Amino acid sequence: MSSSGLDTAGAWRLGVLVVTGLLLLLGLMPAQAQEVPTPPPAQDDGKMTAQRMAAVVRGIDPQARLGGNVWEFDVDGTTLALVFDVGADRMRLMLPVAGADELSEAMLRRLLQANFDTALDARYAIARDTLWATFIHPLSPLSEEELLSAISQTVSIARSYGSTFSSGVWAFGGGDATSGEAPTRPRSGT
């Protein structure tokens, strides 16, 4: 139980409700849940569509829930939200990690280091007083393999928060995530 009296599942549901409410207020999500329409047979252009995304999500979690343009689904006991907007050609995976008020200056610095070195395509971000594990990308160029990798990386950075802060793939390097020291600034012209 957190100090606010909400357990992790309760905090997750509250976070999803807040985000969904904001999307509704901003007119970015229809007020009623809708089924993803099945498109007429067409030539396969390889682009990610709402239908392809639905197939990937339901392949991971057959009990996945769609509300408007938000999928909620579980990966090995971890619940994610996948928000998408076909018209804007954008998608976002997200899951809450911690309360933002729990983060020290040293932890904020460590999160930024991880975003540079070890989080790879997933990222830590703060919104609505919550630290989130996220992945944000244009929708149509995303392949099914990239979506699966994005889901895996997002879950991994959430689970490794406080330890390796890793997407579980590999570390890009070149930064200071392992040393704990800030990199030196490159000289002009080098």
N, C-alpha and C. Protein backbone atom coordinates (compact mmCIF):
# COMPACT_ATOMS: atom_id res chain seq x y z
N MET A 1 0.84 -1.19 0.00
CA MET A 1 0.00 0.00 0.00
C MET A 1 0.88 1.25 0.00
N SER A 2 0.56 2.21 -0.81
CA SER A 2 1.29 3.46 -0.81
C SER A 2 0.76 4.34 0.31
N SER A 3 1.45 5.45 0.55
CA SER A 3 1.04 6.33 1.63
C SER A 3 -0.32 6.96 1.36
N SER A 4 -0.76 6.98 0.11
CA SER A 4 -2.06 7.56 -0.20
C SER A 4 -3.19 6.56 0.00
N GLY A 5 -2.87 5.31 0.34
CA GLY A 5 -3.91 4.31 0.58
C GLY A 5 -4.27 3.51 -0.66
N LEU A 6 -3.63 3.79 -1.80
CA LEU A 6 -3.91 3.05 -3.03
C LEU A 6 -2.84 2.00 -3.23
N ASP A 7 -3.24 0.78 -3.59
CA ASP A 7 -2.25 -0.21 -3.96
C ASP A 7 -1.85 0.05 -5.41
N THR A 8 -0.90 -0.70 -5.94
CA THR A 8 -0.40 -0.46 -7.30
C THR A 8 -1.51 -0.58 -8.33
N ALA A 9 -2.36 -1.60 -8.20
CA ALA A 9 -3.46 -1.77 -9.16
C ALA A 9 -4.43 -0.60 -9.08
N GLY A 10 -4.71 -0.14 -7.86
CA GLY A 10 -5.61 1.00 -7.69
C GLY A 10 -5.02 2.27 -8.27
N ALA A 11 -3.72 2.46 -8.06
CA ALA A 11 -3.04 3.63 -8.61
C ALA A 11 -3.04 3.58 -10.13
N TRP A 12 -2.83 2.39 -10.70
CA TRP A 12 -2.86 2.22 -12.15
C TRP A 12 -4.23 2.59 -12.70
N ARG A 13 -5.27 2.03 -12.12
CA ARG A 13 -6.62 2.30 -12.61
C ARG A 13 -6.95 3.79 -12.49
N LEU A 14 -6.54 4.41 -11.37
CA LEU A 14 -6.76 5.84 -11.20
C LEU A 14 -6.02 6.62 -12.28
N GLY A 15 -4.76 6.23 -12.55
CA GLY A 15 -3.98 6.90 -13.59
C GLY A 15 -4.62 6.78 -14.96
N VAL A 16 -5.11 5.58 -15.30
CA VAL A 16 -5.76 5.37 -16.59
C VAL A 16 -7.04 6.20 -16.66
N LEU A 17 -7.80 6.25 -15.56
CA LEU A 17 -9.03 7.05 -15.54
C LEU A 17 -8.73 8.53 -15.74
N VAL A 18 -7.67 9.03 -15.08
CA VAL A 18 -7.31 10.44 -15.22
C VAL A 18 -6.91 10.74 -16.65
N VAL A 19 -6.03 9.89 -17.23
CA VAL A 19 -5.59 10.11 -18.61
C VAL A 19 -6.78 10.01 -19.57
N THR A 20 -7.64 9.01 -19.38
CA THR A 20 -8.81 8.84 -20.24
C THR A 20 -9.73 10.05 -20.12
N GLY A 21 -9.94 10.52 -18.89
CA GLY A 21 -10.78 11.70 -18.67
C GLY A 21 -10.22 12.92 -19.37
N LEU A 22 -8.90 13.11 -19.30
CA LEU A 22 -8.28 14.23 -20.00
C LEU A 22 -8.46 14.12 -21.50
N LEU A 23 -8.26 12.91 -22.02
CA LEU A 23 -8.44 12.71 -23.47
C LEU A 23 -9.88 13.01 -23.88
N LEU A 24 -10.85 12.60 -23.06
CA LEU A 24 -12.25 12.88 -23.35
C LEU A 24 -12.51 14.38 -23.33
N LEU A 25 -11.99 15.07 -22.28
CA LEU A 25 -12.20 16.50 -22.16
C LEU A 25 -11.59 17.26 -23.33
N LEU A 26 -10.43 16.81 -23.78
CA LEU A 26 -9.76 17.48 -24.89
C LEU A 26 -10.32 17.07 -26.25
N GLY A 27 -11.29 16.15 -26.25
CA GLY A 27 -11.89 15.71 -27.50
C GLY A 27 -11.01 14.80 -28.31
N LEU A 28 -10.01 14.19 -27.68
CA LEU A 28 -9.09 13.32 -28.41
C LEU A 28 -9.53 11.87 -28.40
N MET A 29 -10.62 11.58 -27.68
CA MET A 29 -11.09 10.21 -27.59
C MET A 29 -12.61 10.24 -27.61
N PRO A 30 -13.25 9.37 -28.39
CA PRO A 30 -14.71 9.32 -28.39
C PRO A 30 -15.23 8.95 -27.00
N ALA A 31 -16.40 9.43 -26.65
CA ALA A 31 -16.97 9.20 -25.33
C ALA A 31 -17.37 7.74 -25.12
N GLN A 32 -17.68 7.02 -26.19
CA GLN A 32 -18.10 5.64 -26.05
C GLN A 32 -17.05 4.72 -26.63
N ALA A 33 -16.87 3.58 -25.97
CA ALA A 33 -15.96 2.57 -26.50
C ALA A 33 -16.48 2.11 -27.86
N GLN A 34 -15.57 1.82 -28.73
CA GLN A 34 -15.99 1.37 -30.05
C GLN A 34 -15.13 0.20 -30.50
N GLU A 35 -15.68 -0.62 -31.31
CA GLU A 35 -14.94 -1.75 -31.86
C GLU A 35 -14.01 -1.23 -32.94
N VAL A 36 -12.87 -1.88 -33.07
CA VAL A 36 -11.98 -1.56 -34.17
C VAL A 36 -12.59 -2.15 -35.42
N PRO A 37 -12.94 -1.31 -36.40
CA PRO A 37 -13.59 -1.85 -37.60
C PRO A 37 -12.65 -2.73 -38.40
N THR A 38 -13.21 -3.73 -39.02
CA THR A 38 -12.45 -4.60 -39.90
C THR A 38 -12.43 -3.96 -41.27
N PRO A 39 -11.23 -3.70 -41.80
CA PRO A 39 -11.16 -3.02 -43.09
C PRO A 39 -11.51 -3.98 -44.22
N PRO A 40 -11.92 -3.43 -45.34
CA PRO A 40 -12.15 -4.29 -46.50
C PRO A 40 -10.81 -4.85 -46.96
N PRO A 41 -10.82 -6.01 -47.60
CA PRO A 41 -9.56 -6.57 -48.09
C PRO A 41 -8.87 -5.57 -49.01
N ALA A 42 -7.59 -5.37 -48.76
CA ALA A 42 -6.83 -4.41 -49.55
C ALA A 42 -5.41 -4.93 -49.69
N GLN A 43 -4.67 -4.29 -50.57
CA GLN A 43 -3.29 -4.68 -50.75
C GLN A 43 -2.52 -4.34 -49.47
N ASP A 44 -1.66 -5.24 -49.04
CA ASP A 44 -0.89 -5.06 -47.82
C ASP A 44 0.24 -4.08 -48.10
N ASP A 45 0.18 -2.90 -47.46
CA ASP A 45 1.23 -1.90 -47.66
C ASP A 45 2.26 -1.92 -46.54
N GLY A 46 2.10 -2.83 -45.57
CA GLY A 46 3.06 -2.97 -44.49
C GLY A 46 2.94 -1.96 -43.38
N LYS A 47 2.00 -1.02 -43.47
CA LYS A 47 1.86 0.00 -42.45
C LYS A 47 1.10 -0.53 -41.24
N MET A 48 1.47 -0.02 -40.06
CA MET A 48 0.74 -0.38 -38.85
C MET A 48 -0.62 0.30 -38.89
N THR A 49 -1.64 -0.46 -38.62
CA THR A 49 -3.01 0.03 -38.58
C THR A 49 -3.62 -0.31 -37.23
N ALA A 50 -4.78 0.22 -36.97
CA ALA A 50 -5.49 -0.12 -35.73
C ALA A 50 -5.77 -1.62 -35.68
N GLN A 51 -6.07 -2.22 -36.81
CA GLN A 51 -6.37 -3.65 -36.86
C GLN A 51 -5.12 -4.49 -36.57
N ARG A 52 -3.99 -4.11 -37.16
CA ARG A 52 -2.75 -4.85 -36.91
C ARG A 52 -2.34 -4.72 -35.45
N MET A 53 -2.49 -3.51 -34.92
CA MET A 53 -2.16 -3.29 -33.53
C MET A 53 -3.05 -4.15 -32.64
N ALA A 54 -4.34 -4.22 -32.96
CA ALA A 54 -5.27 -5.05 -32.20
C ALA A 54 -4.85 -6.51 -32.23
N ALA A 55 -4.40 -6.99 -33.37
CA ALA A 55 -3.97 -8.39 -33.49
C ALA A 55 -2.75 -8.65 -32.61
N VAL A 56 -1.79 -7.70 -32.57
CA VAL A 56 -0.60 -7.87 -31.73
C VAL A 56 -1.00 -7.86 -30.26
N VAL A 57 -1.82 -6.89 -29.86
CA VAL A 57 -2.23 -6.78 -28.46
C VAL A 57 -3.02 -8.02 -28.02
N ARG A 58 -3.97 -8.45 -28.85
CA ARG A 58 -4.76 -9.64 -28.49
C ARG A 58 -3.93 -10.92 -28.55
N GLY A 59 -2.87 -10.93 -29.33
CA GLY A 59 -1.96 -12.07 -29.34
C GLY A 59 -1.20 -12.19 -28.02
N ILE A 60 -0.96 -11.06 -27.38
CA ILE A 60 -0.28 -11.03 -26.08
C ILE A 60 -1.28 -11.31 -24.96
N ASP A 61 -2.45 -10.66 -25.04
CA ASP A 61 -3.46 -10.78 -24.00
C ASP A 61 -4.84 -10.90 -24.65
N PRO A 62 -5.35 -12.11 -24.77
CA PRO A 62 -6.67 -12.29 -25.38
C PRO A 62 -7.80 -11.55 -24.63
N GLN A 63 -7.54 -11.18 -23.37
CA GLN A 63 -8.53 -10.46 -22.57
C GLN A 63 -8.32 -8.94 -22.63
N ALA A 64 -7.50 -8.47 -23.55
CA ALA A 64 -7.23 -7.03 -23.69
C ALA A 64 -8.53 -6.27 -23.86
N ARG A 65 -8.57 -5.05 -23.31
CA ARG A 65 -9.77 -4.23 -23.34
C ARG A 65 -9.52 -2.97 -24.17
N LEU A 66 -10.46 -2.65 -25.05
CA LEU A 66 -10.38 -1.45 -25.87
C LEU A 66 -11.46 -0.48 -25.42
N GLY A 67 -11.09 0.73 -25.10
CA GLY A 67 -12.03 1.80 -24.78
C GLY A 67 -11.66 3.01 -25.61
N GLY A 68 -12.47 3.30 -26.62
CA GLY A 68 -12.13 4.41 -27.52
C GLY A 68 -10.87 4.08 -28.28
N ASN A 69 -9.83 4.89 -28.07
CA ASN A 69 -8.55 4.64 -28.74
C ASN A 69 -7.47 4.25 -27.72
N VAL A 70 -7.89 3.55 -26.66
CA VAL A 70 -6.95 3.10 -25.63
C VAL A 70 -7.12 1.60 -25.41
N TRP A 71 -6.05 0.85 -25.65
CA TRP A 71 -6.01 -0.57 -25.31
C TRP A 71 -5.43 -0.68 -23.91
N GLU A 72 -6.02 -1.50 -23.07
CA GLU A 72 -5.45 -1.85 -21.77
C GLU A 72 -5.24 -3.35 -21.81
N PHE A 73 -3.99 -3.78 -21.54
CA PHE A 73 -3.67 -5.20 -21.63
C PHE A 73 -2.56 -5.55 -20.66
N ASP A 74 -2.45 -6.85 -20.37
CA ASP A 74 -1.49 -7.33 -19.39
C ASP A 74 -0.37 -8.11 -20.06
N VAL A 75 0.83 -7.91 -19.56
CA VAL A 75 2.01 -8.67 -19.97
C VAL A 75 2.61 -9.25 -18.70
N ASP A 76 2.43 -10.53 -18.48
CA ASP A 76 2.98 -11.20 -17.30
C ASP A 76 2.68 -10.45 -16.01
N GLY A 77 1.42 -10.04 -15.85
CA GLY A 77 1.01 -9.38 -14.61
C GLY A 77 1.23 -7.88 -14.57
N THR A 78 1.77 -7.30 -15.63
CA THR A 78 1.98 -5.86 -15.71
C THR A 78 0.97 -5.29 -16.70
N THR A 79 0.19 -4.31 -16.26
CA THR A 79 -0.85 -3.72 -17.11
C THR A 79 -0.31 -2.49 -17.83
N LEU A 80 -0.49 -2.47 -19.14
CA LEU A 80 -0.07 -1.34 -19.97
C LEU A 80 -1.28 -0.69 -20.61
N ALA A 81 -1.12 0.58 -20.95
CA ALA A 81 -2.09 1.28 -21.79
C ALA A 81 -1.40 1.60 -23.10
N LEU A 82 -2.09 1.35 -24.21
CA LEU A 82 -1.59 1.71 -25.53
C LEU A 82 -2.61 2.69 -26.10
N VAL A 83 -2.21 3.95 -26.20
CA VAL A 83 -3.08 5.01 -26.72
C VAL A 83 -2.66 5.25 -28.16
N PHE A 84 -3.63 5.33 -29.06
CA PHE A 84 -3.29 5.55 -30.46
C PHE A 84 -4.27 6.52 -31.10
N ASP A 85 -3.78 7.21 -32.12
CA ASP A 85 -4.61 8.14 -32.88
C ASP A 85 -4.24 7.95 -34.35
N VAL A 86 -5.09 7.26 -35.08
CA VAL A 86 -4.83 6.98 -36.49
C VAL A 86 -4.72 8.27 -37.29
N GLY A 87 -5.60 9.24 -37.00
CA GLY A 87 -5.59 10.51 -37.73
C GLY A 87 -4.31 11.30 -37.54
N ALA A 88 -3.77 11.27 -36.34
CA ALA A 88 -2.51 11.97 -36.05
C ALA A 88 -1.31 11.08 -36.33
N ASP A 89 -1.55 9.80 -36.63
CA ASP A 89 -0.50 8.83 -36.93
C ASP A 89 0.49 8.70 -35.78
N ARG A 90 -0.05 8.58 -34.54
CA ARG A 90 0.79 8.47 -33.36
C ARG A 90 0.30 7.35 -32.45
N MET A 91 1.24 6.80 -31.67
CA MET A 91 0.89 5.82 -30.65
C MET A 91 1.77 6.06 -29.44
N ARG A 92 1.28 5.60 -28.27
CA ARG A 92 2.03 5.73 -27.03
C ARG A 92 1.71 4.55 -26.13
N LEU A 93 2.74 3.86 -25.69
CA LEU A 93 2.61 2.83 -24.65
C LEU A 93 2.96 3.51 -23.34
N MET A 94 2.27 3.14 -22.27
CA MET A 94 2.59 3.76 -20.99
C MET A 94 2.12 2.89 -19.83
N LEU A 95 2.91 2.95 -18.75
CA LEU A 95 2.49 2.32 -17.51
C LEU A 95 3.12 3.08 -16.36
N PRO A 96 2.38 3.25 -15.27
CA PRO A 96 2.90 4.02 -14.14
C PRO A 96 3.99 3.24 -13.40
N VAL A 97 5.00 3.97 -12.94
CA VAL A 97 6.12 3.35 -12.24
C VAL A 97 6.17 3.79 -10.78
N ALA A 98 6.03 5.09 -10.53
CA ALA A 98 6.14 5.62 -9.17
C ALA A 98 5.48 7.00 -9.14
N GLY A 99 5.25 7.48 -7.93
CA GLY A 99 4.78 8.84 -7.77
C GLY A 99 5.93 9.81 -8.01
N ALA A 100 5.69 10.88 -8.75
CA ALA A 100 6.75 11.84 -9.05
C ALA A 100 7.27 12.51 -7.79
N ASP A 101 6.42 12.66 -6.78
CA ASP A 101 6.86 13.31 -5.55
C ASP A 101 7.83 12.45 -4.75
N GLU A 102 7.96 11.18 -5.11
CA GLU A 102 8.90 10.27 -4.44
C GLU A 102 10.31 10.37 -5.01
N LEU A 103 10.50 11.14 -6.09
CA LEU A 103 11.77 11.16 -6.81
C LEU A 103 12.70 12.24 -6.27
N SER A 104 13.89 11.83 -5.85
CA SER A 104 14.90 12.77 -5.40
C SER A 104 15.59 13.38 -6.62
N GLU A 105 16.38 14.41 -6.38
CA GLU A 105 17.15 15.01 -7.48
C GLU A 105 18.12 13.99 -8.07
N ALA A 106 18.72 13.17 -7.22
CA ALA A 106 19.65 12.14 -7.69
C ALA A 106 18.91 11.11 -8.56
N MET A 107 17.68 10.75 -8.17
CA MET A 107 16.92 9.79 -8.97
C MET A 107 16.52 10.40 -10.30
N LEU A 108 16.11 11.65 -10.32
CA LEU A 108 15.76 12.31 -11.58
C LEU A 108 16.97 12.31 -12.52
N ARG A 109 18.13 12.59 -11.97
CA ARG A 109 19.36 12.56 -12.78
C ARG A 109 19.60 11.15 -13.32
N ARG A 110 19.42 10.15 -12.47
CA ARG A 110 19.63 8.75 -12.89
C ARG A 110 18.66 8.36 -14.00
N LEU A 111 17.43 8.83 -13.91
CA LEU A 111 16.43 8.53 -14.96
C LEU A 111 16.84 9.14 -16.29
N LEU A 112 17.36 10.37 -16.26
CA LEU A 112 17.82 11.00 -17.50
C LEU A 112 19.03 10.25 -18.06
N GLN A 113 19.91 9.77 -17.19
CA GLN A 113 21.05 8.97 -17.65
C GLN A 113 20.55 7.68 -18.32
N ALA A 114 19.56 7.05 -17.71
CA ALA A 114 19.00 5.82 -18.29
C ALA A 114 18.38 6.10 -19.65
N ASN A 115 17.69 7.23 -19.79
CA ASN A 115 17.10 7.57 -21.08
C ASN A 115 18.16 7.69 -22.16
N PHE A 116 19.37 8.06 -21.77
CA PHE A 116 20.47 8.21 -22.73
C PHE A 116 21.15 6.88 -23.05
N ASP A 117 21.30 6.01 -22.05
CA ASP A 117 22.12 4.81 -22.19
C ASP A 117 21.37 3.48 -22.23
N THR A 118 20.50 3.25 -21.27
CA THR A 118 20.00 1.90 -21.03
C THR A 118 18.52 1.69 -21.32
N ALA A 119 17.76 2.76 -21.43
CA ALA A 119 16.32 2.60 -21.70
C ALA A 119 16.05 2.37 -23.19
N LEU A 120 17.00 2.69 -24.02
CA LEU A 120 16.93 2.54 -25.48
C LEU A 120 15.70 3.23 -26.07
N ASP A 121 14.77 2.49 -26.66
CA ASP A 121 13.62 3.13 -27.33
C ASP A 121 12.51 3.52 -26.36
N ALA A 122 12.45 2.87 -25.22
CA ALA A 122 11.48 3.24 -24.19
C ALA A 122 12.09 4.41 -23.41
N ARG A 123 11.25 5.13 -22.68
CA ARG A 123 11.71 6.29 -21.92
C ARG A 123 10.97 6.38 -20.60
N TYR A 124 11.65 7.01 -19.63
CA TYR A 124 10.99 7.44 -18.40
C TYR A 124 10.48 8.85 -18.64
N ALA A 125 9.29 9.15 -18.15
CA ALA A 125 8.70 10.47 -18.32
C ALA A 125 7.83 10.79 -17.11
N ILE A 126 7.64 12.06 -16.85
CA ILE A 126 6.78 12.49 -15.74
C ILE A 126 5.60 13.25 -16.31
N ALA A 127 4.41 12.87 -15.89
CA ALA A 127 3.18 13.58 -16.23
C ALA A 127 2.15 13.28 -15.15
N ARG A 128 1.35 14.26 -14.83
CA ARG A 128 0.28 14.09 -13.85
C ARG A 128 0.79 13.51 -12.54
N ASP A 129 1.92 14.05 -12.06
CA ASP A 129 2.51 13.65 -10.78
C ASP A 129 2.86 12.16 -10.72
N THR A 130 3.14 11.57 -11.87
CA THR A 130 3.48 10.15 -11.95
C THR A 130 4.71 9.97 -12.83
N LEU A 131 5.59 9.08 -12.42
CA LEU A 131 6.69 8.65 -13.28
C LEU A 131 6.16 7.51 -14.12
N TRP A 132 6.28 7.63 -15.44
CA TRP A 132 5.77 6.63 -16.38
C TRP A 132 6.91 5.96 -17.13
N ALA A 133 6.73 4.71 -17.48
CA ALA A 133 7.54 4.05 -18.49
C ALA A 133 6.76 4.23 -19.78
N THR A 134 7.39 4.76 -20.82
CA THR A 134 6.68 5.09 -22.05
C THR A 134 7.46 4.67 -23.30
N PHE A 135 6.72 4.59 -24.37
CA PHE A 135 7.28 4.43 -25.71
C PHE A 135 6.37 5.24 -26.61
N ILE A 136 6.91 6.18 -27.36
CA ILE A 136 6.12 7.07 -28.21
C ILE A 136 6.69 7.00 -29.62
N HIS A 137 5.79 6.84 -30.60
CA HIS A 137 6.29 6.61 -31.97
C HIS A 137 5.19 6.98 -32.98
N PRO A 138 5.57 7.35 -34.20
CA PRO A 138 4.58 7.44 -35.27
C PRO A 138 3.95 6.06 -35.47
N LEU A 139 2.67 6.02 -35.74
CA LEU A 139 1.95 4.74 -35.83
C LEU A 139 2.24 3.98 -37.12
N SER A 140 2.03 4.59 -38.27
CA SER A 140 2.06 3.84 -39.52
C SER A 140 3.41 3.19 -39.84
N PRO A 141 4.56 3.81 -39.56
CA PRO A 141 5.81 3.13 -39.90
C PRO A 141 6.22 2.03 -38.92
N LEU A 142 5.49 1.88 -37.83
CA LEU A 142 5.84 0.89 -36.81
C LEU A 142 5.53 -0.51 -37.32
N SER A 143 6.52 -1.40 -37.28
CA SER A 143 6.29 -2.78 -37.69
C SER A 143 5.76 -3.58 -36.50
N GLU A 144 5.24 -4.76 -36.76
CA GLU A 144 4.76 -5.62 -35.68
C GLU A 144 5.92 -5.99 -34.76
N GLU A 145 7.09 -6.26 -35.33
CA GLU A 145 8.26 -6.60 -34.53
C GLU A 145 8.68 -5.43 -33.64
N GLU A 146 8.62 -4.21 -34.19
CA GLU A 146 8.96 -3.03 -33.41
C GLU A 146 7.95 -2.80 -32.28
N LEU A 147 6.68 -3.06 -32.55
CA LEU A 147 5.66 -2.92 -31.50
C LEU A 147 5.91 -3.92 -30.39
N LEU A 148 6.22 -5.16 -30.73
CA LEU A 148 6.53 -6.17 -29.71
C LEU A 148 7.77 -5.76 -28.91
N SER A 149 8.78 -5.25 -29.59
CA SER A 149 9.98 -4.78 -28.90
C SER A 149 9.65 -3.61 -27.98
N ALA A 150 8.82 -2.70 -28.46
CA ALA A 150 8.42 -1.53 -27.65
C ALA A 150 7.70 -1.97 -26.38
N ILE A 151 6.81 -2.94 -26.50
CA ILE A 151 6.08 -3.46 -25.34
C ILE A 151 7.08 -4.07 -24.35
N SER A 152 7.98 -4.89 -24.85
CA SER A 152 8.97 -5.54 -24.01
C SER A 152 9.87 -4.51 -23.32
N GLN A 153 10.35 -3.53 -24.05
CA GLN A 153 11.23 -2.51 -23.48
C GLN A 153 10.51 -1.67 -22.44
N THR A 154 9.25 -1.32 -22.70
CA THR A 154 8.49 -0.50 -21.76
C THR A 154 8.26 -1.24 -20.45
N VAL A 155 7.89 -2.51 -20.55
CA VAL A 155 7.71 -3.33 -19.34
C VAL A 155 9.05 -3.47 -18.61
N SER A 156 10.12 -3.68 -19.35
CA SER A 156 11.44 -3.87 -18.74
C SER A 156 11.92 -2.65 -17.98
N ILE A 157 11.75 -1.43 -18.54
CA ILE A 157 12.23 -0.26 -17.79
C ILE A 157 11.37 -0.02 -16.56
N ALA A 158 10.10 -0.39 -16.61
CA ALA A 158 9.26 -0.25 -15.41
C ALA A 158 9.73 -1.23 -14.33
N ARG A 159 9.98 -2.46 -14.73
CA ARG A 159 10.40 -3.48 -13.76
C ARG A 159 11.81 -3.26 -13.24
N SER A 160 12.69 -2.65 -14.04
CA SER A 160 14.08 -2.46 -13.61
C SER A 160 14.31 -1.09 -12.96
N TYR A 161 13.24 -0.32 -12.79
CA TYR A 161 13.33 0.97 -12.09
C TYR A 161 13.92 0.74 -10.70
N GLY A 162 14.93 1.52 -10.34
CA GLY A 162 15.56 1.39 -9.04
C GLY A 162 16.75 0.45 -9.02
N SER A 163 16.97 -0.28 -10.13
CA SER A 163 18.13 -1.18 -10.18
C SER A 163 18.94 -0.88 -11.44
N THR A 164 18.66 -1.57 -12.53
CA THR A 164 19.45 -1.37 -13.76
C THR A 164 18.87 -0.33 -14.70
N PHE A 165 17.60 0.05 -14.52
CA PHE A 165 16.93 1.04 -15.38
C PHE A 165 17.09 0.65 -16.85
N SER A 166 16.95 -0.61 -17.14
CA SER A 166 17.28 -1.15 -18.46
C SER A 166 16.04 -1.60 -19.23
N SER A 167 16.10 -1.42 -20.54
CA SER A 167 15.05 -1.92 -21.42
C SER A 167 15.20 -3.42 -21.64
N GLY A 168 16.28 -3.98 -21.13
CA GLY A 168 16.49 -5.42 -21.23
C GLY A 168 17.13 -5.86 -22.51
N VAL A 169 17.43 -4.95 -23.42
CA VAL A 169 18.01 -5.32 -24.69
C VAL A 169 19.52 -5.22 -24.62
N TRP A 170 20.03 -4.03 -24.52
CA TRP A 170 21.45 -3.77 -24.37
C TRP A 170 21.62 -2.30 -24.02
N ALA A 171 22.80 -1.92 -23.61
CA ALA A 171 23.07 -0.52 -23.27
C ALA A 171 23.75 0.14 -24.46
N PHE A 172 23.27 1.30 -24.83
CA PHE A 172 23.84 2.03 -25.94
C PHE A 172 25.24 2.52 -25.59
N GLY A 173 25.42 3.00 -24.38
CA GLY A 173 26.73 3.48 -23.93
C GLY A 173 27.02 4.89 -24.37
N GLY A 174 28.20 5.33 -24.03
CA GLY A 174 28.63 6.68 -24.40
C GLY A 174 28.22 7.73 -23.40
N GLY A 175 27.43 7.36 -22.43
CA GLY A 175 26.99 8.30 -21.41
C GLY A 175 27.58 7.95 -20.08
N ASP A 176 26.86 8.28 -19.02
CA ASP A 176 27.38 8.08 -17.69
C ASP A 176 26.44 7.26 -16.81
N ALA A 177 25.59 6.45 -17.41
CA ALA A 177 24.62 5.69 -16.64
C ALA A 177 25.28 4.70 -15.70
N THR A 178 26.43 4.16 -16.06
CA THR A 178 27.06 3.18 -15.19
C THR A 178 28.05 3.83 -14.23
N SER A 179 28.59 4.98 -14.57
CA SER A 179 29.58 5.61 -13.71
C SER A 179 28.95 6.48 -12.63
N GLY A 180 27.74 6.98 -12.90
CA GLY A 180 27.11 7.89 -11.95
C GLY A 180 27.66 9.30 -12.06
N GLU A 181 28.59 9.53 -13.00
CA GLU A 181 29.15 10.86 -13.18
C GLU A 181 28.63 11.47 -14.47
N ALA A 182 28.58 12.78 -14.48
CA ALA A 182 28.11 13.47 -15.67
C ALA A 182 29.20 13.42 -16.74
N PRO A 183 28.82 13.22 -18.00
CA PRO A 183 29.84 13.23 -19.06
C PRO A 183 30.39 14.65 -19.23
N THR A 184 31.61 14.74 -19.73
CA THR A 184 32.17 16.06 -19.99
C THR A 184 31.55 16.60 -21.27
N ARG A 185 31.44 17.89 -21.31
CA ARG A 185 30.83 18.54 -22.47
C ARG A 185 31.86 18.57 -23.60
N PRO A 186 31.44 18.17 -24.81
CA PRO A 186 32.38 18.21 -25.94
C PRO A 186 32.79 19.66 -26.22
N ARG A 187 34.02 19.82 -26.65
CA ARG A 187 34.48 21.15 -27.02
C ARG A 187 33.85 21.58 -28.33
N SER A 188 33.69 22.86 -28.53
CA SER A 188 33.14 23.38 -29.78
C SER A 188 34.02 22.94 -30.93
N GLY A 189 33.36 22.50 -32.01
CA GLY A 189 34.09 22.14 -33.21
C GLY A 189 34.65 20.73 -33.19
N THR A 190 34.36 19.95 -32.13
CA THR A 190 34.89 18.59 -32.11
C THR A 190 33.80 17.59 -32.27
